[in-house]
Amino acid sequence: MIRPILVLWLLFASPALAAPVQVKAGEHNGFTRLVVDYGKAVKWQVGRTEDGYELRIDGAQPDYDVTQSFKIIGTGRLVSLVTDAKSGDLRIGVACACYAIPFEFRDGIIVVDLRDGMPPKGSGFEAPLPLLQKDPAPVPDQPVAAIARPYDWTSLVVAQATGKPMLLPPPD
């Protein structure tokens, strides 16, 4: 009798373990703060998009709960929070001349401050994130002879040793 009860308890408890990630926002003097609580340590990165920023984590993409995000803030800086359908990244839409300063508050809690003005020089968060390669690109069926210029490591070594440009064979 205890085994069936234990199995039922585990089945009903498992959806609770996959709870949505809470995303909350607050308005402050000169910036808007976005707090994303994953509940566990994650490897993350932030990059620029055409309409704001995106927050990406490694591994399984969570279900973001943004229902509480706009309850106490306006839309002067932060205008949208959307999960990208293809990548699962959290897209952060901005409508101001502002920039993002993300940091990890503690394990599993990522904070993104949207500050007024121009980003600091050399800010790595202003670069777009690399494209995700979920599926490798298909390789067309080609015979080996179709390669125009094979890699010639000897020419590269000679060019580096002598300082002269590497000579490439003429294209076919």
N, C-alpha and C. Protein backbone atom coordinates (compact mmCIF):
# COMPACT_ATOMS: atom_id res chain seq x y z
N MET A 1 0.82 -1.19 0.00
CA MET A 1 0.00 0.00 0.00
C MET A 1 0.87 1.27 0.00
N ILE A 2 2.01 1.20 0.64
CA ILE A 2 2.86 2.38 0.73
C ILE A 2 3.50 2.67 -0.63
N ARG A 3 3.88 1.65 -1.38
CA ARG A 3 4.51 1.87 -2.69
C ARG A 3 3.61 2.64 -3.64
N PRO A 4 2.34 2.27 -3.81
CA PRO A 4 1.48 3.05 -4.72
C PRO A 4 1.32 4.50 -4.27
N ILE A 5 1.27 4.72 -2.99
CA ILE A 5 1.14 6.09 -2.47
C ILE A 5 2.41 6.88 -2.76
N LEU A 6 3.56 6.23 -2.57
CA LEU A 6 4.84 6.88 -2.86
C LEU A 6 4.96 7.21 -4.34
N VAL A 7 4.56 6.29 -5.21
CA VAL A 7 4.61 6.53 -6.65
C VAL A 7 3.69 7.69 -7.03
N LEU A 8 2.48 7.71 -6.49
CA LEU A 8 1.56 8.83 -6.78
C LEU A 8 2.11 10.15 -6.28
N TRP A 9 2.72 10.14 -5.10
CA TRP A 9 3.28 11.37 -4.56
C TRP A 9 4.40 11.88 -5.46
N LEU A 10 5.26 10.98 -5.93
CA LEU A 10 6.35 11.39 -6.83
C LEU A 10 5.81 11.92 -8.15
N LEU A 11 4.77 11.31 -8.68
CA LEU A 11 4.19 11.79 -9.94
C LEU A 11 3.60 13.19 -9.79
N PHE A 12 2.93 13.44 -8.70
CA PHE A 12 2.31 14.75 -8.51
C PHE A 12 3.33 15.80 -8.06
N ALA A 13 4.42 15.37 -7.44
CA ALA A 13 5.43 16.32 -6.97
C ALA A 13 6.35 16.77 -8.10
N SER A 14 6.52 15.97 -9.16
CA SER A 14 7.46 16.32 -10.22
C SER A 14 7.11 17.60 -10.95
N PRO A 15 5.83 17.94 -11.24
CA PRO A 15 5.57 19.24 -11.86
C PRO A 15 5.97 20.41 -10.96
N ALA A 16 5.88 20.22 -9.66
CA ALA A 16 6.27 21.29 -8.75
C ALA A 16 7.77 21.53 -8.80
N LEU A 17 8.54 20.47 -9.10
CA LEU A 17 9.99 20.63 -9.19
C LEU A 17 10.38 21.44 -10.42
N ALA A 18 9.55 21.46 -11.45
CA ALA A 18 9.82 22.20 -12.67
C ALA A 18 9.05 23.52 -12.67
N ALA A 19 9.04 24.19 -11.54
CA ALA A 19 8.30 25.44 -11.39
C ALA A 19 8.87 26.49 -12.33
N PRO A 20 8.03 27.40 -12.81
CA PRO A 20 8.52 28.46 -13.69
C PRO A 20 9.52 29.37 -12.98
N VAL A 21 10.40 29.94 -13.76
CA VAL A 21 11.40 30.88 -13.24
C VAL A 21 10.72 32.24 -13.09
N GLN A 22 10.77 32.78 -11.87
CA GLN A 22 10.15 34.06 -11.59
C GLN A 22 11.00 35.21 -12.12
N VAL A 23 10.35 36.14 -12.81
CA VAL A 23 11.01 37.34 -13.32
C VAL A 23 10.28 38.53 -12.71
N LYS A 24 11.00 39.33 -11.93
CA LYS A 24 10.40 40.49 -11.28
C LYS A 24 11.16 41.75 -11.67
N ALA A 25 10.49 42.88 -11.58
CA ALA A 25 11.11 44.15 -11.96
C ALA A 25 10.78 45.21 -10.92
N GLY A 26 11.68 46.18 -10.79
CA GLY A 26 11.47 47.30 -9.89
C GLY A 26 12.04 48.57 -10.50
N GLU A 27 11.40 49.68 -10.20
CA GLU A 27 11.80 50.99 -10.72
C GLU A 27 12.62 51.71 -9.65
N HIS A 28 13.76 52.26 -10.06
CA HIS A 28 14.64 53.00 -9.15
C HIS A 28 15.03 54.31 -9.82
N ASN A 29 15.67 55.20 -9.07
CA ASN A 29 16.10 56.48 -9.61
C ASN A 29 17.25 56.26 -10.59
N GLY A 30 16.99 56.43 -11.89
CA GLY A 30 18.02 56.30 -12.91
C GLY A 30 18.15 54.92 -13.53
N PHE A 31 17.44 53.94 -13.00
CA PHE A 31 17.51 52.61 -13.61
C PHE A 31 16.29 51.76 -13.25
N THR A 32 16.08 50.73 -14.06
CA THR A 32 15.05 49.72 -13.81
C THR A 32 15.77 48.41 -13.56
N ARG A 33 15.40 47.72 -12.51
CA ARG A 33 16.06 46.46 -12.15
C ARG A 33 15.15 45.28 -12.48
N LEU A 34 15.73 44.31 -13.16
CA LEU A 34 15.07 43.07 -13.52
C LEU A 34 15.77 41.95 -12.76
N VAL A 35 15.02 41.12 -12.04
CA VAL A 35 15.59 40.03 -11.25
C VAL A 35 15.01 38.71 -11.74
N VAL A 36 15.91 37.79 -12.12
CA VAL A 36 15.50 36.48 -12.63
C VAL A 36 16.06 35.44 -11.66
N ASP A 37 15.15 34.70 -11.00
CA ASP A 37 15.54 33.73 -9.98
C ASP A 37 15.37 32.32 -10.53
N TYR A 38 16.50 31.68 -10.89
CA TYR A 38 16.48 30.33 -11.43
C TYR A 38 16.40 29.27 -10.33
N GLY A 39 16.71 29.63 -9.10
CA GLY A 39 16.63 28.69 -8.00
C GLY A 39 17.84 27.76 -7.88
N LYS A 40 18.74 27.83 -8.84
CA LYS A 40 19.97 27.04 -8.81
C LYS A 40 21.01 27.77 -9.66
N ALA A 41 22.26 27.43 -9.48
CA ALA A 41 23.33 28.06 -10.25
C ALA A 41 23.15 27.74 -11.73
N VAL A 42 23.33 28.76 -12.58
CA VAL A 42 23.24 28.60 -14.02
C VAL A 42 24.40 29.32 -14.69
N LYS A 43 24.77 28.85 -15.86
CA LYS A 43 25.76 29.54 -16.68
C LYS A 43 24.96 30.44 -17.62
N TRP A 44 25.24 31.74 -17.62
CA TRP A 44 24.40 32.69 -18.34
C TRP A 44 25.26 33.67 -19.13
N GLN A 45 24.58 34.36 -20.06
CA GLN A 45 25.20 35.45 -20.83
C GLN A 45 24.10 36.39 -21.31
N VAL A 46 24.48 37.64 -21.51
CA VAL A 46 23.55 38.67 -21.98
C VAL A 46 24.16 39.32 -23.21
N GLY A 47 23.33 39.58 -24.20
CA GLY A 47 23.79 40.24 -25.41
C GLY A 47 22.73 41.16 -25.97
N ARG A 48 23.15 42.04 -26.86
CA ARG A 48 22.30 43.05 -27.47
C ARG A 48 21.47 42.44 -28.59
N THR A 49 20.25 42.93 -28.76
CA THR A 49 19.40 42.57 -29.88
C THR A 49 18.95 43.86 -30.55
N GLU A 50 18.18 43.75 -31.62
CA GLU A 50 17.72 44.95 -32.32
C GLU A 50 16.73 45.77 -31.48
N ASP A 51 16.05 45.15 -30.53
CA ASP A 51 15.07 45.88 -29.72
C ASP A 51 15.37 45.87 -28.23
N GLY A 52 16.58 45.46 -27.86
CA GLY A 52 16.94 45.44 -26.44
C GLY A 52 18.07 44.48 -26.16
N TYR A 53 17.79 43.49 -25.33
CA TYR A 53 18.79 42.52 -24.90
C TYR A 53 18.16 41.14 -24.83
N GLU A 54 19.02 40.12 -24.71
CA GLU A 54 18.52 38.79 -24.44
C GLU A 54 19.40 38.13 -23.40
N LEU A 55 18.75 37.35 -22.54
CA LEU A 55 19.41 36.61 -21.48
C LEU A 55 19.34 35.13 -21.87
N ARG A 56 20.51 34.50 -21.96
CA ARG A 56 20.59 33.10 -22.37
C ARG A 56 21.26 32.30 -21.26
N ILE A 57 20.72 31.12 -21.01
CA ILE A 57 21.36 30.20 -20.08
C ILE A 57 21.68 28.90 -20.82
N ASP A 58 22.68 28.19 -20.31
CA ASP A 58 23.03 26.90 -20.88
C ASP A 58 22.07 25.84 -20.36
N GLY A 59 21.88 24.79 -21.14
CA GLY A 59 21.06 23.67 -20.71
C GLY A 59 19.61 23.84 -21.07
N ALA A 60 18.77 23.12 -20.35
CA ALA A 60 17.33 23.14 -20.61
C ALA A 60 16.76 24.54 -20.37
N GLN A 61 15.96 25.00 -21.30
CA GLN A 61 15.39 26.34 -21.19
C GLN A 61 14.16 26.33 -20.28
N PRO A 62 14.12 27.24 -19.33
CA PRO A 62 13.01 27.26 -18.38
C PRO A 62 11.76 27.92 -18.95
N ASP A 63 10.70 27.75 -18.22
CA ASP A 63 9.45 28.44 -18.51
C ASP A 63 9.47 29.71 -17.64
N TYR A 64 9.56 30.88 -18.27
CA TYR A 64 9.65 32.13 -17.52
C TYR A 64 8.25 32.61 -17.12
N ASP A 65 8.11 33.02 -15.87
CA ASP A 65 6.87 33.61 -15.39
C ASP A 65 7.09 35.11 -15.25
N VAL A 66 6.55 35.89 -16.19
CA VAL A 66 6.73 37.34 -16.20
C VAL A 66 5.47 38.07 -15.76
N THR A 67 4.51 37.35 -15.19
CA THR A 67 3.22 37.96 -14.84
C THR A 67 3.35 39.04 -13.78
N GLN A 68 4.36 38.98 -12.92
CA GLN A 68 4.53 39.99 -11.87
C GLN A 68 5.46 41.14 -12.27
N SER A 69 6.03 41.06 -13.46
CA SER A 69 7.07 42.00 -13.85
C SER A 69 6.61 43.44 -14.00
N PHE A 70 5.42 43.67 -14.53
CA PHE A 70 4.98 45.04 -14.82
C PHE A 70 3.96 45.55 -13.82
N LYS A 71 3.78 44.88 -12.69
CA LYS A 71 2.77 45.31 -11.73
C LYS A 71 3.14 46.61 -11.03
N ILE A 72 4.44 46.86 -10.79
CA ILE A 72 4.82 48.05 -10.03
C ILE A 72 5.73 49.00 -10.81
N ILE A 73 5.95 48.73 -12.09
CA ILE A 73 6.80 49.63 -12.87
C ILE A 73 6.05 50.13 -14.08
N GLY A 74 6.54 51.23 -14.63
CA GLY A 74 6.01 51.74 -15.89
C GLY A 74 6.76 51.11 -17.05
N THR A 75 6.54 51.65 -18.23
CA THR A 75 7.21 51.12 -19.41
C THR A 75 8.13 52.16 -20.02
N GLY A 76 8.72 53.01 -19.18
CA GLY A 76 9.65 54.01 -19.67
C GLY A 76 10.96 53.42 -20.17
N ARG A 77 11.44 52.37 -19.53
CA ARG A 77 12.67 51.70 -19.95
C ARG A 77 12.36 50.28 -20.45
N LEU A 78 11.79 49.48 -19.59
CA LEU A 78 11.47 48.10 -19.93
C LEU A 78 10.08 48.04 -20.53
N VAL A 79 9.97 47.56 -21.78
CA VAL A 79 8.65 47.52 -22.42
C VAL A 79 8.14 46.12 -22.68
N SER A 80 9.03 45.13 -22.71
CA SER A 80 8.54 43.77 -22.97
C SER A 80 9.50 42.74 -22.41
N LEU A 81 8.93 41.61 -22.05
CA LEU A 81 9.68 40.42 -21.64
C LEU A 81 9.03 39.25 -22.36
N VAL A 82 9.78 38.63 -23.25
CA VAL A 82 9.22 37.58 -24.10
C VAL A 82 10.22 36.43 -24.17
N THR A 83 9.72 35.21 -24.13
CA THR A 83 10.58 34.05 -24.35
C THR A 83 10.68 33.81 -25.85
N ASP A 84 11.89 33.79 -26.37
CA ASP A 84 12.10 33.54 -27.79
C ASP A 84 11.65 32.11 -28.11
N ALA A 85 10.79 31.99 -29.11
CA ALA A 85 10.22 30.68 -29.45
C ALA A 85 11.26 29.69 -29.94
N LYS A 86 12.29 30.14 -30.63
CA LYS A 86 13.28 29.22 -31.18
C LYS A 86 14.36 28.85 -30.17
N SER A 87 14.92 29.85 -29.49
CA SER A 87 16.07 29.60 -28.63
C SER A 87 15.70 29.38 -27.16
N GLY A 88 14.54 29.89 -26.73
CA GLY A 88 14.18 29.82 -25.32
C GLY A 88 14.78 30.93 -24.50
N ASP A 89 15.54 31.84 -25.14
CA ASP A 89 16.15 32.97 -24.43
C ASP A 89 15.08 33.95 -23.96
N LEU A 90 15.37 34.66 -22.88
CA LEU A 90 14.48 35.71 -22.40
C LEU A 90 14.84 37.00 -23.12
N ARG A 91 13.92 37.51 -23.92
CA ARG A 91 14.14 38.76 -24.68
C ARG A 91 13.64 39.92 -23.83
N ILE A 92 14.51 40.92 -23.66
CA ILE A 92 14.23 42.09 -22.82
C ILE A 92 14.10 43.29 -23.75
N GLY A 93 12.88 43.75 -23.98
CA GLY A 93 12.65 44.88 -24.86
C GLY A 93 12.80 46.19 -24.12
N VAL A 94 13.56 47.13 -24.70
CA VAL A 94 13.75 48.44 -24.08
C VAL A 94 13.23 49.53 -25.02
N ALA A 95 12.80 50.64 -24.43
CA ALA A 95 12.29 51.77 -25.22
C ALA A 95 12.91 53.06 -24.72
N CYS A 96 14.21 53.05 -24.56
CA CYS A 96 14.88 54.24 -24.05
C CYS A 96 16.31 54.25 -24.55
N ALA A 97 16.97 55.38 -24.35
CA ALA A 97 18.41 55.45 -24.59
C ALA A 97 19.07 54.96 -23.30
N CYS A 98 19.14 53.64 -23.16
CA CYS A 98 19.67 53.06 -21.94
C CYS A 98 20.49 51.82 -22.29
N TYR A 99 21.15 51.27 -21.30
CA TYR A 99 22.01 50.12 -21.50
C TYR A 99 21.84 49.14 -20.34
N ALA A 100 22.23 47.90 -20.57
CA ALA A 100 22.09 46.85 -19.56
C ALA A 100 23.40 46.61 -18.84
N ILE A 101 23.30 46.46 -17.52
CA ILE A 101 24.42 46.02 -16.69
C ILE A 101 23.93 44.77 -15.95
N PRO A 102 24.25 43.59 -16.47
CA PRO A 102 23.84 42.36 -15.79
C PRO A 102 24.91 41.88 -14.82
N PHE A 103 24.47 41.21 -13.76
CA PHE A 103 25.41 40.59 -12.82
C PHE A 103 24.68 39.48 -12.07
N GLU A 104 25.48 38.61 -11.48
CA GLU A 104 24.91 37.52 -10.69
C GLU A 104 24.92 37.96 -9.23
N PHE A 105 23.73 38.11 -8.66
CA PHE A 105 23.59 38.54 -7.27
C PHE A 105 24.11 37.45 -6.33
N ARG A 106 23.67 36.24 -6.58
CA ARG A 106 24.20 35.03 -5.95
C ARG A 106 23.79 33.86 -6.82
N ASP A 107 24.26 32.67 -6.49
CA ASP A 107 23.99 31.51 -7.35
C ASP A 107 22.51 31.44 -7.72
N GLY A 108 22.25 31.47 -9.03
CA GLY A 108 20.89 31.30 -9.52
C GLY A 108 20.06 32.56 -9.60
N ILE A 109 20.56 33.69 -9.14
CA ILE A 109 19.81 34.95 -9.22
C ILE A 109 20.59 35.92 -10.10
N ILE A 110 20.04 36.17 -11.29
CA ILE A 110 20.66 37.08 -12.26
C ILE A 110 19.90 38.40 -12.21
N VAL A 111 20.64 39.49 -12.12
CA VAL A 111 20.07 40.84 -12.08
C VAL A 111 20.50 41.58 -13.34
N VAL A 112 19.54 42.25 -13.99
CA VAL A 112 19.85 43.08 -15.15
C VAL A 112 19.33 44.47 -14.84
N ASP A 113 20.25 45.43 -14.71
CA ASP A 113 19.88 46.82 -14.51
C ASP A 113 19.86 47.53 -15.86
N LEU A 114 18.78 48.19 -16.16
CA LEU A 114 18.67 49.02 -17.36
C LEU A 114 18.89 50.45 -16.91
N ARG A 115 20.05 51.01 -17.27
CA ARG A 115 20.46 52.34 -16.81
C ARG A 115 20.34 53.36 -17.94
N ASP A 116 19.97 54.57 -17.57
CA ASP A 116 19.85 55.66 -18.54
C ASP A 116 21.23 56.04 -19.08
N GLY A 117 21.27 56.42 -20.36
CA GLY A 117 22.51 56.91 -20.95
C GLY A 117 23.17 55.91 -21.87
N MET A 118 24.44 56.20 -22.16
CA MET A 118 25.23 55.37 -23.07
C MET A 118 26.00 54.31 -22.27
N PRO A 119 26.22 53.14 -22.86
CA PRO A 119 26.97 52.09 -22.15
C PRO A 119 28.43 52.47 -21.97
N PRO A 120 29.08 51.94 -20.95
CA PRO A 120 30.51 52.18 -20.78
C PRO A 120 31.29 51.64 -21.97
N LYS A 121 32.39 52.29 -22.29
CA LYS A 121 33.22 51.82 -23.41
C LYS A 121 33.69 50.40 -23.15
N GLY A 122 33.62 49.58 -24.18
CA GLY A 122 34.07 48.20 -24.08
C GLY A 122 33.10 47.26 -23.39
N SER A 123 31.88 47.69 -23.17
CA SER A 123 30.90 46.83 -22.51
C SER A 123 30.63 45.60 -23.38
N GLY A 124 30.90 44.42 -22.84
CA GLY A 124 30.71 43.18 -23.57
C GLY A 124 29.25 42.83 -23.78
N PHE A 125 28.35 43.49 -23.06
CA PHE A 125 26.93 43.17 -23.17
C PHE A 125 26.26 43.88 -24.34
N GLU A 126 27.00 44.74 -25.04
CA GLU A 126 26.45 45.44 -26.20
C GLU A 126 26.63 44.64 -27.48
N ALA A 127 27.38 43.57 -27.42
CA ALA A 127 27.57 42.71 -28.59
C ALA A 127 26.45 41.68 -28.64
N PRO A 128 26.00 41.33 -29.84
CA PRO A 128 24.98 40.28 -29.93
C PRO A 128 25.54 38.93 -29.52
N LEU A 129 24.67 38.07 -29.00
CA LEU A 129 25.08 36.72 -28.64
C LEU A 129 25.30 35.91 -29.91
N PRO A 130 26.20 34.95 -29.87
CA PRO A 130 26.40 34.12 -31.06
C PRO A 130 25.14 33.32 -31.36
N LEU A 131 24.95 33.03 -32.63
CA LEU A 131 23.80 32.23 -33.03
C LEU A 131 23.93 30.83 -32.45
N LEU A 132 22.80 30.27 -32.06
CA LEU A 132 22.81 28.91 -31.54
C LEU A 132 22.84 27.92 -32.69
N GLN A 133 23.67 26.92 -32.58
CA GLN A 133 23.72 25.85 -33.57
C GLN A 133 23.15 24.60 -32.92
N LYS A 134 21.83 24.49 -32.92
CA LYS A 134 21.19 23.32 -32.32
C LYS A 134 21.36 22.10 -33.21
N ASP A 135 21.19 22.26 -34.50
CA ASP A 135 21.36 21.16 -35.44
C ASP A 135 22.51 21.53 -36.36
N PRO A 136 23.48 20.62 -36.54
CA PRO A 136 24.57 20.94 -37.46
C PRO A 136 24.04 21.10 -38.88
N ALA A 137 24.67 21.99 -39.61
CA ALA A 137 24.26 22.22 -41.00
C ALA A 137 24.51 20.97 -41.82
N PRO A 138 23.59 20.64 -42.70
CA PRO A 138 23.81 19.45 -43.53
C PRO A 138 25.00 19.66 -44.47
N VAL A 139 25.77 18.61 -44.66
CA VAL A 139 26.92 18.66 -45.54
C VAL A 139 26.51 18.10 -46.89
N PRO A 140 26.67 18.89 -47.95
CA PRO A 140 26.28 18.38 -49.25
C PRO A 140 27.20 17.24 -49.68
N ASP A 141 26.64 16.32 -50.42
CA ASP A 141 27.43 15.20 -50.93
C ASP A 141 28.28 15.70 -52.09
N GLN A 142 29.60 15.76 -51.86
CA GLN A 142 30.54 16.19 -52.90
C GLN A 142 31.71 15.23 -52.94
N PRO A 143 32.19 14.94 -54.12
CA PRO A 143 33.42 14.15 -54.18
C PRO A 143 34.59 14.99 -53.67
N VAL A 144 35.60 14.32 -53.16
CA VAL A 144 36.77 15.02 -52.61
C VAL A 144 37.44 15.88 -53.66
N ALA A 145 37.40 15.50 -54.91
CA ALA A 145 38.05 16.25 -55.97
C ALA A 145 37.41 17.62 -56.19
N ALA A 146 36.21 17.85 -55.64
CA ALA A 146 35.52 19.11 -55.86
C ALA A 146 36.09 20.23 -54.98
N ILE A 147 36.97 19.91 -54.04
CA ILE A 147 37.55 20.94 -53.18
C ILE A 147 38.54 21.74 -54.00
N ALA A 148 38.34 23.07 -54.05
CA ALA A 148 39.16 23.91 -54.91
C ALA A 148 40.57 24.07 -54.39
N ARG A 149 40.73 24.38 -53.09
CA ARG A 149 42.05 24.63 -52.53
C ARG A 149 42.22 23.81 -51.26
N PRO A 150 42.93 22.72 -51.32
CA PRO A 150 43.14 21.95 -50.09
C PRO A 150 44.05 22.71 -49.14
N TYR A 151 43.92 22.43 -47.87
CA TYR A 151 44.74 23.08 -46.85
C TYR A 151 46.16 22.56 -46.96
N ASP A 152 47.13 23.45 -47.06
CA ASP A 152 48.53 23.07 -47.20
C ASP A 152 49.30 23.65 -46.02
N TRP A 153 49.53 22.81 -45.01
CA TRP A 153 50.19 23.30 -43.80
C TRP A 153 51.64 23.65 -44.04
N THR A 154 52.28 23.04 -45.02
CA THR A 154 53.70 23.34 -45.26
C THR A 154 53.87 24.77 -45.77
N SER A 155 52.97 25.22 -46.63
CA SER A 155 53.06 26.61 -47.11
C SER A 155 52.84 27.59 -45.98
N LEU A 156 51.95 27.25 -45.06
CA LEU A 156 51.69 28.12 -43.92
C LEU A 156 52.92 28.23 -43.03
N VAL A 157 53.59 27.11 -42.75
CA VAL A 157 54.79 27.11 -41.90
C VAL A 157 55.91 27.90 -42.56
N VAL A 158 56.11 27.70 -43.86
CA VAL A 158 57.15 28.44 -44.58
C VAL A 158 56.84 29.94 -44.56
N ALA A 159 55.59 30.30 -44.79
CA ALA A 159 55.21 31.71 -44.79
C ALA A 159 55.44 32.34 -43.42
N GLN A 160 55.12 31.62 -42.34
CA GLN A 160 55.34 32.16 -41.00
C GLN A 160 56.82 32.28 -40.68
N ALA A 161 57.64 31.33 -41.12
CA ALA A 161 59.07 31.35 -40.82
C ALA A 161 59.80 32.43 -41.60
N THR A 162 59.39 32.67 -42.82
CA THR A 162 60.10 33.64 -43.66
C THR A 162 59.48 35.02 -43.63
N GLY A 163 58.26 35.12 -43.15
CA GLY A 163 57.58 36.42 -43.14
C GLY A 163 57.00 36.80 -44.48
N LYS A 164 57.08 35.91 -45.45
CA LYS A 164 56.54 36.18 -46.78
C LYS A 164 55.09 35.69 -46.84
N PRO A 165 54.27 36.29 -47.71
CA PRO A 165 52.89 35.84 -47.80
C PRO A 165 52.82 34.40 -48.32
N MET A 166 51.80 33.70 -47.86
CA MET A 166 51.60 32.32 -48.27
C MET A 166 51.12 32.28 -49.70
N LEU A 167 51.74 31.44 -50.51
CA LEU A 167 51.35 31.30 -51.91
C LEU A 167 50.24 30.28 -52.01
N LEU A 168 49.15 30.69 -52.61
CA LEU A 168 48.02 29.79 -52.80
C LEU A 168 47.96 29.37 -54.25
N PRO A 169 47.56 28.12 -54.49
CA PRO A 169 47.41 27.70 -55.89
C PRO A 169 46.29 28.50 -56.54
N PRO A 170 46.38 28.69 -57.84
CA PRO A 170 45.31 29.43 -58.51
C PRO A 170 44.01 28.66 -58.41
N PRO A 171 42.87 29.39 -58.34
CA PRO A 171 41.58 28.69 -58.27
C PRO A 171 41.33 27.90 -59.54
N ASP A 172 40.64 26.78 -59.39
CA ASP A 172 40.35 25.92 -60.54
C ASP A 172 39.33 26.54 -61.46
